[in-house]
Amino acid sequence: MELNENELAWWEMSVTSLILQRAWQMELGQIGLTVPQTLVLIAVADSPEPITPMKLSRILHREPHTISALLTRMEAQGLVKKERNLERGNWVRVTLTKKGKEAYQRQLKAKKVRNVTECLSRQELEELNKMNRKLRARGVQLLREMLPSPYGDPLW
């Protein structure tokens, strides 16, 4: 069976994504981080206020229990700190520790994979970003159709 043009485009995107993901894993591994850890470090560092595990799960499109387990491991490694919100005792806030801030800074310097799009012209980069936004929106729509979220996530 031959792939139609949409399936071929999907194949190309998937393989490209896998290659870039593997390259990023290797680059981050050299500085002692994993991709999931790095994504958490970036989300926490970029948040203007301490972030909740639930918000992290929505931002990263991961199940809450997956984020909870990751945060527990990261806390044991001294990268993040989980604190109960004094006003709302059932809420947990996540912040970076000194070690977490240092790890965040290290990953900022690991730019080789993140700058892979330097081979594109400005116009190609703008087109790629536009297409990615459109595909991400469609992907979120598909996720909602296949697995309705009980969390009412406005970020998706």
N, C-alpha and C. Protein backbone atom coordinates (compact mmCIF):
# COMPACT_ATOMS: atom_id res chain seq x y z
N MET A 1 0.85 -1.19 0.00
CA MET A 1 0.00 0.00 0.00
C MET A 1 0.88 1.24 0.00
N GLU A 2 0.58 2.16 -0.87
CA GLU A 2 1.34 3.40 -0.97
C GLU A 2 0.73 4.46 -0.06
N LEU A 3 1.59 5.35 0.40
CA LEU A 3 1.13 6.46 1.23
C LEU A 3 0.60 7.57 0.35
N ASN A 4 -0.53 8.18 0.78
CA ASN A 4 -1.00 9.36 0.06
C ASN A 4 -0.16 10.56 0.48
N GLU A 5 -0.38 11.71 -0.11
CA GLU A 5 0.47 12.87 0.17
C GLU A 5 0.40 13.33 1.63
N ASN A 6 -0.78 13.19 2.25
CA ASN A 6 -0.90 13.55 3.66
C ASN A 6 -0.14 12.58 4.54
N GLU A 7 -0.24 11.29 4.23
CA GLU A 7 0.47 10.28 5.01
C GLU A 7 1.98 10.40 4.82
N LEU A 8 2.41 10.74 3.62
CA LEU A 8 3.83 10.93 3.36
C LEU A 8 4.36 12.14 4.15
N ALA A 9 3.58 13.22 4.17
CA ALA A 9 3.98 14.40 4.94
C ALA A 9 4.06 14.03 6.43
N TRP A 10 3.10 13.24 6.91
CA TRP A 10 3.12 12.79 8.30
C TRP A 10 4.39 11.97 8.57
N TRP A 11 4.72 11.07 7.65
CA TRP A 11 5.92 10.25 7.78
C TRP A 11 7.16 11.14 7.89
N GLU A 12 7.26 12.09 6.99
CA GLU A 12 8.42 13.00 6.99
C GLU A 12 8.53 13.77 8.30
N MET A 13 7.41 14.30 8.78
CA MET A 13 7.41 15.04 10.05
C MET A 13 7.80 14.14 11.21
N SER A 14 7.26 12.94 11.23
CA SER A 14 7.51 12.01 12.33
C SER A 14 8.98 11.62 12.40
N VAL A 15 9.56 11.27 11.26
CA VAL A 15 10.96 10.88 11.24
C VAL A 15 11.86 12.06 11.62
N THR A 16 11.56 13.24 11.09
CA THR A 16 12.32 14.43 11.44
C THR A 16 12.23 14.70 12.94
N SER A 17 11.03 14.59 13.49
CA SER A 17 10.84 14.81 14.92
C SER A 17 11.65 13.82 15.75
N LEU A 18 11.63 12.56 15.36
CA LEU A 18 12.39 11.54 16.09
C LEU A 18 13.89 11.82 16.04
N ILE A 19 14.39 12.22 14.88
CA ILE A 19 15.82 12.52 14.73
C ILE A 19 16.21 13.70 15.62
N LEU A 20 15.41 14.77 15.57
CA LEU A 20 15.72 15.96 16.36
C LEU A 20 15.58 15.69 17.85
N GLN A 21 14.59 14.89 18.22
CA GLN A 21 14.40 14.53 19.63
C GLN A 21 15.62 13.75 20.13
N ARG A 22 16.09 12.80 19.33
CA ARG A 22 17.26 11.99 19.71
C ARG A 22 18.50 12.88 19.83
N ALA A 23 18.68 13.79 18.89
CA ALA A 23 19.82 14.70 18.95
C ALA A 23 19.76 15.56 20.21
N TRP A 24 18.55 16.03 20.56
CA TRP A 24 18.40 16.84 21.77
C TRP A 24 18.68 16.02 23.01
N GLN A 25 18.22 14.77 23.03
CA GLN A 25 18.53 13.88 24.15
C GLN A 25 20.04 13.74 24.33
N MET A 26 20.74 13.55 23.23
CA MET A 26 22.18 13.38 23.31
C MET A 26 22.86 14.66 23.79
N GLU A 27 22.44 15.80 23.27
CA GLU A 27 23.03 17.06 23.68
C GLU A 27 22.78 17.33 25.17
N LEU A 28 21.54 17.11 25.61
CA LEU A 28 21.22 17.33 27.03
C LEU A 28 21.92 16.32 27.93
N GLY A 29 22.07 15.09 27.45
CA GLY A 29 22.76 14.07 28.22
C GLY A 29 24.18 14.47 28.57
N GLN A 30 24.80 15.25 27.70
CA GLN A 30 26.17 15.71 27.95
C GLN A 30 26.24 16.69 29.12
N ILE A 31 25.12 17.31 29.47
CA ILE A 31 25.10 18.24 30.61
C ILE A 31 24.28 17.68 31.77
N GLY A 32 23.96 16.38 31.69
CA GLY A 32 23.31 15.71 32.81
C GLY A 32 21.81 15.92 32.93
N LEU A 33 21.14 16.25 31.82
CA LEU A 33 19.70 16.45 31.86
C LEU A 33 19.00 15.56 30.84
N THR A 34 17.71 15.37 31.05
CA THR A 34 16.87 14.67 30.09
C THR A 34 15.93 15.69 29.45
N VAL A 35 15.29 15.29 28.36
CA VAL A 35 14.34 16.18 27.70
C VAL A 35 13.18 16.54 28.64
N PRO A 36 12.53 15.55 29.30
CA PRO A 36 11.43 15.93 30.20
C PRO A 36 11.88 16.88 31.32
N GLN A 37 13.06 16.63 31.90
CA GLN A 37 13.56 17.54 32.94
C GLN A 37 13.75 18.95 32.39
N THR A 38 14.32 19.03 31.21
CA THR A 38 14.57 20.33 30.59
C THR A 38 13.27 21.07 30.32
N LEU A 39 12.26 20.36 29.83
CA LEU A 39 10.97 20.99 29.56
C LEU A 39 10.36 21.53 30.85
N VAL A 40 10.50 20.79 31.94
CA VAL A 40 10.00 21.28 33.24
C VAL A 40 10.80 22.50 33.68
N LEU A 41 12.12 22.43 33.57
CA LEU A 41 12.95 23.57 33.97
C LEU A 41 12.56 24.83 33.20
N ILE A 42 12.35 24.70 31.90
CA ILE A 42 11.98 25.84 31.07
C ILE A 42 10.60 26.38 31.48
N ALA A 43 9.63 25.48 31.66
CA ALA A 43 8.27 25.92 32.02
C ALA A 43 8.26 26.62 33.38
N VAL A 44 8.99 26.07 34.34
CA VAL A 44 9.02 26.67 35.68
C VAL A 44 9.76 28.00 35.64
N ALA A 45 10.90 28.04 34.95
CA ALA A 45 11.69 29.28 34.88
C ALA A 45 10.94 30.38 34.15
N ASP A 46 10.17 30.03 33.12
CA ASP A 46 9.46 31.03 32.33
C ASP A 46 8.15 31.48 32.96
N SER A 47 7.70 30.79 33.99
CA SER A 47 6.44 31.16 34.63
C SER A 47 6.66 32.38 35.53
N PRO A 48 5.80 33.39 35.41
CA PRO A 48 5.97 34.59 36.23
C PRO A 48 5.70 34.36 37.72
N GLU A 49 5.05 33.24 38.03
CA GLU A 49 4.77 32.90 39.43
C GLU A 49 5.00 31.40 39.61
N PRO A 50 5.11 30.95 40.85
CA PRO A 50 5.27 29.50 41.05
C PRO A 50 4.14 28.75 40.35
N ILE A 51 4.50 27.66 39.71
CA ILE A 51 3.57 26.93 38.86
C ILE A 51 3.09 25.65 39.55
N THR A 52 1.89 25.21 39.24
CA THR A 52 1.36 23.99 39.84
C THR A 52 1.68 22.79 38.94
N PRO A 53 1.74 21.60 39.53
CA PRO A 53 1.94 20.40 38.71
C PRO A 53 0.84 20.24 37.66
N MET A 54 -0.39 20.60 37.99
CA MET A 54 -1.48 20.48 37.03
C MET A 54 -1.24 21.38 35.82
N LYS A 55 -0.79 22.59 36.06
CA LYS A 55 -0.52 23.49 34.94
C LYS A 55 0.64 22.95 34.11
N LEU A 56 1.65 22.39 34.77
CA LEU A 56 2.75 21.77 34.03
C LEU A 56 2.25 20.63 33.14
N SER A 57 1.34 19.82 33.67
CA SER A 57 0.82 18.69 32.87
C SER A 57 0.08 19.21 31.65
N ARG A 58 -0.59 20.32 31.78
CA ARG A 58 -1.32 20.90 30.65
C ARG A 58 -0.36 21.52 29.63
N ILE A 59 0.63 22.24 30.11
CA ILE A 59 1.60 22.87 29.22
C ILE A 59 2.37 21.82 28.43
N LEU A 60 2.77 20.75 29.12
CA LEU A 60 3.60 19.72 28.50
C LEU A 60 2.80 18.57 27.89
N HIS A 61 1.48 18.66 27.98
CA HIS A 61 0.60 17.63 27.41
C HIS A 61 0.94 16.24 27.94
N ARG A 62 1.07 16.14 29.26
CA ARG A 62 1.36 14.88 29.92
C ARG A 62 0.33 14.65 31.02
N GLU A 63 0.09 13.39 31.32
CA GLU A 63 -0.85 13.05 32.38
C GLU A 63 -0.33 13.59 33.72
N PRO A 64 -1.25 14.02 34.59
CA PRO A 64 -0.83 14.56 35.88
C PRO A 64 0.06 13.61 36.68
N HIS A 65 -0.25 12.30 36.66
CA HIS A 65 0.58 11.37 37.43
C HIS A 65 1.99 11.26 36.85
N THR A 66 2.14 11.46 35.54
CA THR A 66 3.46 11.43 34.91
C THR A 66 4.28 12.63 35.38
N ILE A 67 3.66 13.79 35.41
CA ILE A 67 4.34 15.00 35.88
C ILE A 67 4.66 14.89 37.36
N SER A 68 3.74 14.35 38.14
CA SER A 68 3.97 14.18 39.57
C SER A 68 5.20 13.31 39.83
N ALA A 69 5.30 12.20 39.11
CA ALA A 69 6.44 11.30 39.28
C ALA A 69 7.74 11.99 38.86
N LEU A 70 7.69 12.72 37.75
CA LEU A 70 8.87 13.44 37.27
C LEU A 70 9.31 14.49 38.29
N LEU A 71 8.35 15.24 38.83
CA LEU A 71 8.68 16.26 39.83
C LEU A 71 9.26 15.64 41.10
N THR A 72 8.75 14.49 41.50
CA THR A 72 9.28 13.80 42.68
C THR A 72 10.74 13.43 42.45
N ARG A 73 11.06 12.91 41.26
CA ARG A 73 12.45 12.55 40.93
C ARG A 73 13.33 13.81 40.87
N MET A 74 12.80 14.87 40.26
CA MET A 74 13.57 16.11 40.15
C MET A 74 13.80 16.74 41.52
N GLU A 75 12.82 16.62 42.41
CA GLU A 75 12.98 17.15 43.77
C GLU A 75 14.05 16.35 44.50
N ALA A 76 14.06 15.02 44.32
CA ALA A 76 15.08 14.18 44.94
C ALA A 76 16.48 14.52 44.43
N GLN A 77 16.56 14.99 43.18
CA GLN A 77 17.84 15.39 42.59
C GLN A 77 18.22 16.82 42.97
N GLY A 78 17.32 17.51 43.65
CA GLY A 78 17.59 18.87 44.08
C GLY A 78 17.37 19.94 43.02
N LEU A 79 16.62 19.62 41.96
CA LEU A 79 16.39 20.57 40.88
C LEU A 79 15.18 21.47 41.11
N VAL A 80 14.16 20.93 41.75
CA VAL A 80 12.95 21.69 42.03
C VAL A 80 12.55 21.50 43.49
N LYS A 81 11.68 22.40 43.92
CA LYS A 81 11.11 22.30 45.26
C LYS A 81 9.61 22.37 45.13
N LYS A 82 8.92 21.42 45.77
CA LYS A 82 7.45 21.44 45.78
C LYS A 82 7.02 21.95 47.15
N GLU A 83 6.16 22.96 47.15
CA GLU A 83 5.69 23.54 48.40
C GLU A 83 4.18 23.63 48.38
N ARG A 84 3.58 23.35 49.50
CA ARG A 84 2.13 23.51 49.63
C ARG A 84 1.80 24.99 49.66
N ASN A 85 0.74 25.36 48.99
CA ASN A 85 0.26 26.73 48.99
C ASN A 85 -0.43 26.96 50.33
N LEU A 86 0.01 27.97 51.05
CA LEU A 86 -0.55 28.23 52.38
C LEU A 86 -2.01 28.66 52.32
N GLU A 87 -2.39 29.37 51.26
CA GLU A 87 -3.77 29.83 51.12
C GLU A 87 -4.69 28.69 50.70
N ARG A 88 -4.19 27.83 49.84
CA ARG A 88 -4.97 26.69 49.34
C ARG A 88 -4.15 25.44 49.61
N GLY A 89 -4.35 24.87 50.75
CA GLY A 89 -3.54 23.75 51.23
C GLY A 89 -3.44 22.56 50.31
N ASN A 90 -4.41 22.39 49.43
CA ASN A 90 -4.37 21.24 48.53
C ASN A 90 -3.58 21.53 47.26
N TRP A 91 -3.10 22.75 47.08
CA TRP A 91 -2.32 23.09 45.89
C TRP A 91 -0.84 23.00 46.20
N VAL A 92 -0.10 22.52 45.24
CA VAL A 92 1.35 22.46 45.34
C VAL A 92 1.93 23.43 44.32
N ARG A 93 2.93 24.16 44.73
CA ARG A 93 3.62 25.08 43.82
C ARG A 93 5.03 24.54 43.60
N VAL A 94 5.52 24.67 42.38
CA VAL A 94 6.84 24.18 42.02
C VAL A 94 7.74 25.37 41.72
N THR A 95 8.92 25.37 42.32
CA THR A 95 9.91 26.41 42.06
C THR A 95 11.26 25.73 41.80
N LEU A 96 12.15 26.47 41.16
CA LEU A 96 13.49 25.95 40.92
C LEU A 96 14.36 26.20 42.15
N THR A 97 15.19 25.23 42.47
CA THR A 97 16.19 25.40 43.51
C THR A 97 17.40 26.08 42.88
N LYS A 98 18.41 26.37 43.69
CA LYS A 98 19.65 26.93 43.15
C LYS A 98 20.23 25.97 42.12
N LYS A 99 20.25 24.69 42.44
CA LYS A 99 20.76 23.68 41.51
C LYS A 99 19.91 23.63 40.24
N GLY A 100 18.61 23.79 40.38
CA GLY A 100 17.71 23.82 39.23
C GLY A 100 17.95 25.03 38.35
N LYS A 101 18.21 26.17 38.96
CA LYS A 101 18.52 27.39 38.19
C LYS A 101 19.83 27.23 37.43
N GLU A 102 20.80 26.58 38.07
CA GLU A 102 22.08 26.32 37.40
C GLU A 102 21.88 25.36 36.22
N ALA A 103 21.06 24.33 36.42
CA ALA A 103 20.76 23.38 35.33
C ALA A 103 20.03 24.09 34.20
N TYR A 104 19.12 24.98 34.53
CA TYR A 104 18.41 25.77 33.53
C TYR A 104 19.41 26.58 32.71
N GLN A 105 20.35 27.22 33.37
CA GLN A 105 21.36 28.02 32.67
C GLN A 105 22.24 27.14 31.77
N ARG A 106 22.59 25.95 32.24
CA ARG A 106 23.40 25.02 31.44
C ARG A 106 22.66 24.64 30.15
N GLN A 107 21.37 24.35 30.28
CA GLN A 107 20.63 23.94 29.09
C GLN A 107 20.46 25.10 28.10
N LEU A 108 20.45 26.33 28.61
CA LEU A 108 20.38 27.48 27.71
C LEU A 108 21.61 27.57 26.80
N LYS A 109 22.75 27.12 27.34
CA LYS A 109 24.00 27.17 26.58
C LYS A 109 24.09 26.03 25.56
N ALA A 110 23.30 25.00 25.72
CA ALA A 110 23.29 23.86 24.79
C ALA A 110 22.35 24.23 23.64
N LYS A 111 22.88 24.89 22.63
CA LYS A 111 22.04 25.49 21.59
C LYS A 111 22.08 24.79 20.24
N LYS A 112 22.95 23.83 20.09
CA LYS A 112 23.14 23.25 18.76
C LYS A 112 21.83 22.72 18.18
N VAL A 113 21.10 21.93 18.92
CA VAL A 113 19.86 21.34 18.40
C VAL A 113 18.75 22.38 18.34
N ARG A 114 18.65 23.21 19.36
CA ARG A 114 17.60 24.24 19.37
C ARG A 114 17.74 25.21 18.21
N ASN A 115 18.95 25.35 17.68
CA ASN A 115 19.18 26.28 16.58
C ASN A 115 19.25 25.57 15.23
N VAL A 116 18.68 24.39 15.14
CA VAL A 116 18.71 23.62 13.90
C VAL A 116 18.02 24.37 12.76
N THR A 117 17.11 25.25 13.08
CA THR A 117 16.38 25.99 12.04
C THR A 117 17.20 27.12 11.43
N GLU A 118 18.46 27.27 11.86
CA GLU A 118 19.31 28.30 11.25
C GLU A 118 19.53 28.06 9.76
N CYS A 119 19.29 26.83 9.31
CA CYS A 119 19.46 26.51 7.89
C CYS A 119 18.29 27.04 7.05
N LEU A 120 17.27 27.58 7.68
CA LEU A 120 16.10 28.11 6.97
C LEU A 120 16.22 29.62 6.80
N SER A 121 15.66 30.11 5.71
CA SER A 121 15.59 31.56 5.51
C SER A 121 14.54 32.13 6.48
N ARG A 122 14.54 33.43 6.62
CA ARG A 122 13.54 34.08 7.49
C ARG A 122 12.13 33.74 7.03
N GLN A 123 11.91 33.77 5.71
CA GLN A 123 10.59 33.45 5.17
C GLN A 123 10.22 31.99 5.45
N GLU A 124 11.17 31.08 5.25
CA GLU A 124 10.90 29.66 5.54
C GLU A 124 10.59 29.45 7.02
N LEU A 125 11.32 30.15 7.86
CA LEU A 125 11.10 30.04 9.30
C LEU A 125 9.71 30.56 9.68
N GLU A 126 9.30 31.67 9.10
CA GLU A 126 7.96 32.21 9.36
C GLU A 126 6.89 31.22 8.89
N GLU A 127 7.10 30.64 7.71
CA GLU A 127 6.16 29.65 7.19
C GLU A 127 6.11 28.41 8.07
N LEU A 128 7.26 27.97 8.51
CA LEU A 128 7.32 26.80 9.40
C LEU A 128 6.56 27.06 10.70
N ASN A 129 6.79 28.23 11.29
CA ASN A 129 6.09 28.57 12.53
C ASN A 129 4.58 28.64 12.32
N LYS A 130 4.18 29.20 11.20
CA LYS A 130 2.75 29.28 10.89
C LYS A 130 2.16 27.88 10.73
N MET A 131 2.86 27.02 10.00
CA MET A 131 2.38 25.64 9.81
C MET A 131 2.36 24.87 11.12
N ASN A 132 3.38 25.07 11.95
CA ASN A 132 3.42 24.38 13.24
C ASN A 132 2.25 24.78 14.13
N ARG A 133 1.93 26.07 14.15
CA ARG A 133 0.78 26.52 14.95
C ARG A 133 -0.51 25.88 14.45
N LYS A 134 -0.67 25.81 13.14
CA LYS A 134 -1.86 25.22 12.54
C LYS A 134 -1.93 23.72 12.85
N LEU A 135 -0.82 23.02 12.70
CA LEU A 135 -0.79 21.58 12.98
C LEU A 135 -0.98 21.29 14.48
N ARG A 136 -0.39 22.14 15.33
CA ARG A 136 -0.56 21.96 16.78
C ARG A 136 -2.03 22.13 17.16
N ALA A 137 -2.69 23.13 16.60
CA ALA A 137 -4.11 23.34 16.89
C ALA A 137 -4.93 22.13 16.44
N ARG A 138 -4.61 21.60 15.27
CA ARG A 138 -5.33 20.41 14.78
C ARG A 138 -5.02 19.21 15.67
N GLY A 139 -3.79 19.08 16.10
CA GLY A 139 -3.42 17.99 17.00
C GLY A 139 -4.16 18.06 18.32
N VAL A 140 -4.27 19.25 18.87
CA VAL A 140 -5.02 19.43 20.11
C VAL A 140 -6.48 19.08 19.90
N GLN A 141 -7.03 19.48 18.77
CA GLN A 141 -8.42 19.13 18.45
C GLN A 141 -8.59 17.61 18.39
N LEU A 142 -7.65 16.93 17.75
CA LEU A 142 -7.71 15.47 17.69
C LEU A 142 -7.60 14.84 19.07
N LEU A 143 -6.72 15.38 19.90
CA LEU A 143 -6.59 14.87 21.27
C LEU A 143 -7.90 15.01 22.03
N ARG A 144 -8.52 16.16 21.91
CA ARG A 144 -9.79 16.39 22.59
C ARG A 144 -10.87 15.43 22.12
N GLU A 145 -10.87 15.13 20.82
CA GLU A 145 -11.85 14.19 20.28
C GLU A 145 -11.59 12.76 20.76
N MET A 146 -10.33 12.39 20.85
CA MET A 146 -9.98 11.01 21.22
C MET A 146 -9.96 10.78 22.72
N LEU A 147 -9.57 11.82 23.46
CA LEU A 147 -9.43 11.67 24.90
C LEU A 147 -9.87 12.97 25.57
N PRO A 148 -11.17 13.16 25.74
CA PRO A 148 -11.63 14.41 26.35
C PRO A 148 -10.99 14.62 27.71
N SER A 149 -10.45 15.79 27.92
CA SER A 149 -9.76 16.11 29.16
C SER A 149 -10.75 16.53 30.24
N PRO A 150 -10.67 15.93 31.40
CA PRO A 150 -11.52 16.36 32.50
C PRO A 150 -11.01 17.64 33.15
N TYR A 151 -9.90 18.14 32.66
CA TYR A 151 -9.25 19.27 33.32
C TYR A 151 -9.63 20.62 32.73
N GLY A 152 -10.39 20.62 31.62
CA GLY A 152 -10.83 21.87 31.02
C GLY A 152 -9.68 22.79 30.70
N ASP A 153 -8.65 22.27 30.05
CA ASP A 153 -7.42 23.00 29.87
C ASP A 153 -7.52 24.08 28.80
N PRO A 154 -7.40 25.35 29.19
CA PRO A 154 -7.44 26.42 28.20
C PRO A 154 -6.12 26.56 27.45
N LEU A 155 -5.02 25.93 27.93
CA LEU A 155 -3.72 26.07 27.28
C LEU A 155 -3.61 25.19 26.05
N TRP A 156 -4.41 24.15 25.97
CA TRP A 156 -4.32 23.23 24.83
C TRP A 156 -5.06 23.81 23.70
